Amino acid sequence: MQQITININPSIYEHIMFFLQNLPKNLIDIQAQNIKQVPSNTSSSSKAFGLLNGKIKDPVAWQRAIREESDRDIYKDFQK
């Protein structure tokens, strides 16, 4: 027999296991290992929030100002 190791995304795990379990038992030996991923406390969004934490008093007003700046830059050629 040949041996392979596959790292499978949890979203397709059930489909892959269903396929493998339906192959003839004398041709395949399934030895599954469930590895639980520990969620990281430092996601990219939490890092970004940490950079801006306390520096922006009103997030909605800040976002509007950023959009207005961007709009001015985008449409400056059309305002002549």
C-alpha atoms as a PDB file:
ATOM      1  CA  MET A   1       0.000   0.000   0.000  1.00  0.00           C
ATOM      2  CA  GLN A   2       0.978   3.623  -0.526  1.00  0.00           C
ATOM      3  CA  GLN A   3       0.545   6.260   2.164  1.00  0.00           C
ATOM      4  CA  ILE A   4      -0.474   9.914   1.792  1.00  0.00           C
ATOM      5  CA  THR A   5      -1.108  12.711   4.266  1.00  0.00           C
ATOM      6  CA  ILE A   6      -3.650  15.390   3.377  1.00  0.00           C
ATOM      7  CA  ASN A   7      -4.445  18.606   5.206  1.00  0.00           C
ATOM      8  CA  ILE A   8      -8.105  19.310   4.507  1.00  0.00           C
ATOM      9  CA  ASN A   9     -10.065  22.500   5.032  1.00  0.00           C
ATOM     10  CA  PRO A  10     -12.936  21.870   7.473  1.00  0.00           C
ATOM     11  CA  SER A  11     -15.459  23.067   4.886  1.00  0.00           C
ATOM     12  CA  ILE A  12     -14.825  20.010   2.661  1.00  0.00           C
ATOM     13  CA  TYR A  13     -13.777  17.479   5.309  1.00  0.00           C
ATOM     14  CA  GLU A  14     -17.139  15.681   5.405  1.00  0.00           C
ATOM     15  CA  HIS A  15     -17.219  15.340   1.603  1.00  0.00           C
ATOM     16  CA  ILE A  16     -13.715  13.886   1.441  1.00  0.00           C
ATOM     17  CA  MET A  17     -14.403  11.456   4.282  1.00  0.00           C
ATOM     18  CA  PHE A  18     -17.663  10.346   2.658  1.00  0.00           C
ATOM     19  CA  PHE A  19     -15.800   9.603  -0.573  1.00  0.00           C
ATOM     20  CA  LEU A  20     -12.990   7.726   1.170  1.00  0.00           C
ATOM     21  CA  GLN A  21     -15.359   5.685   3.349  1.00  0.00           C
ATOM     22  CA  ASN A  22     -17.251   4.517   0.269  1.00  0.00           C
ATOM     23  CA  LEU A  23     -14.180   2.997  -1.369  1.00  0.00           C
ATOM     24  CA  PRO A  24     -13.747  -0.786  -0.986  1.00  0.00           C
ATOM     25  CA  LYS A  25     -12.502  -1.582   2.534  1.00  0.00           C
ATOM     26  CA  ASN A  26      -9.893  -4.041   1.279  1.00  0.00           C
ATOM     27  CA  LEU A  27      -8.263  -1.285  -0.810  1.00  0.00           C
ATOM     28  CA  ILE A  28      -8.070   1.532   1.737  1.00  0.00           C
ATOM     29  CA  ASP A  29      -7.257   1.966   5.420  1.00  0.00           C
ATOM     30  CA  ILE A  30      -8.447   5.335   6.775  1.00  0.00           C
ATOM     31  CA  GLN A  31      -6.669   6.718   9.818  1.00  0.00           C
ATOM     32  CA  ALA A  32      -8.139  10.172  10.450  1.00  0.00           C
ATOM     33  CA  GLN A  33      -6.639  12.614  12.905  1.00  0.00           C
ATOM     34  CA  ASN A  34      -8.791  15.528  13.962  1.00  0.00           C
ATOM     35  CA  ILE A  35      -6.563  18.510  14.617  1.00  0.00           C
ATOM     36  CA  LYS A  36      -8.344  21.372  16.311  1.00  0.00           C
ATOM     37  CA  GLN A  37      -7.016  24.763  15.353  1.00  0.00           C
ATOM     38  CA  VAL A  38      -6.664  27.168  18.218  1.00  0.00           C
ATOM     39  CA  PRO A  39      -8.164  30.501  17.179  1.00  0.00           C
ATOM     40  CA  SER A  40      -5.679  33.329  17.207  1.00  0.00           C
ATOM     41  CA  ASN A  41      -6.467  36.278  19.471  1.00  0.00           C
ATOM     42  CA  THR A  42      -4.583  38.593  17.152  1.00  0.00           C
ATOM     43  CA  SER A  43      -6.559  38.657  13.934  1.00  0.00           C
ATOM     44  CA  SER A  44      -5.731  41.278  11.356  1.00  0.00           C
ATOM     45  CA  SER A  45      -8.896  43.224  12.148  1.00  0.00           C
ATOM     46  CA  SER A  46      -8.132  43.293  15.860  1.00  0.00           C
ATOM     47  CA  LYS A  47      -4.581  44.431  15.096  1.00  0.00           C
ATOM     48  CA  ALA A  48      -5.915  47.240  12.912  1.00  0.00           C
ATOM     49  CA  PHE A  49      -8.401  48.240  15.569  1.00  0.00           C
ATOM     50  CA  GLY A  50      -5.628  48.240  18.149  1.00  0.00           C
ATOM     51  CA  LEU A  51      -3.633  50.694  16.033  1.00  0.00           C
ATOM     52  CA  LEU A  52      -6.530  53.120  15.909  1.00  0.00           C
ATOM     53  CA  ASN A  53      -7.902  52.448  19.367  1.00  0.00           C
ATOM     54  CA  GLY A  54      -8.370  55.727  21.231  1.00  0.00           C
ATOM     55  CA  LYS A  55      -7.116  57.854  18.340  1.00  0.00           C
ATOM     56  CA  ILE A  56     -10.484  58.256  16.622  1.00  0.00           C
ATOM     57  CA  LYS A  57     -13.193  59.908  18.688  1.00  0.00           C
ATOM     58  CA  ASP A  58     -16.054  59.476  16.206  1.00  0.00           C
ATOM     59  CA  PRO A  59     -15.495  56.561  13.801  1.00  0.00           C
ATOM     60  CA  VAL A  60     -18.418  57.530  11.551  1.00  0.00           C
ATOM     61  CA  ALA A  61     -17.196  61.115  11.136  1.00  0.00           C
ATOM     62  CA  TRP A  62     -13.666  59.832  10.512  1.00  0.00           C
ATOM     63  CA  GLN A  63     -14.896  57.442   7.829  1.00  0.00           C
ATOM     64  CA  ARG A  64     -16.913  60.215   6.122  1.00  0.00           C
ATOM     65  CA  ALA A  65     -13.850  62.473   6.096  1.00  0.00           C
ATOM     66  CA  ILE A  66     -11.749  59.712   4.534  1.00  0.00           C
ATOM     67  CA  ARG A  67     -14.396  59.133   1.861  1.00  0.00           C
ATOM     68  CA  GLU A  68     -14.651  62.858   1.080  1.00  0.00           C
ATOM     69  CA  GLU A  69     -10.871  63.023   0.697  1.00  0.00           C
ATOM     70  CA  SER A  70     -10.931  60.032  -1.611  1.00  0.00           C
ATOM     71  CA  ASP A  71     -13.799  61.478  -3.655  1.00  0.00           C
ATOM     72  CA  ARG A  72     -11.922  64.756  -4.087  1.00  0.00           C
ATOM     73  CA  ASP A  73      -8.894  62.852  -5.373  1.00  0.00           C
ATOM     74  CA  ILE A  74     -10.916  60.680  -7.727  1.00  0.00           C
ATOM     75  CA  TYR A  75     -13.031  63.428  -9.234  1.00  0.00           C
ATOM     76  CA  LYS A  76     -10.473  66.260  -9.298  1.00  0.00           C
ATOM     77  CA  ASP A  77      -9.907  65.818 -13.053  1.00  0.00           C
ATOM     78  CA  PHE A  78     -13.638  66.186 -13.747  1.00  0.00           C
ATOM     79  CA  GLN A  79     -14.052  69.374 -11.698  1.00  0.00           C
ATOM     80  CA  LYS A  80     -12.106  71.642 -14.074  1.00  0.00           C
END
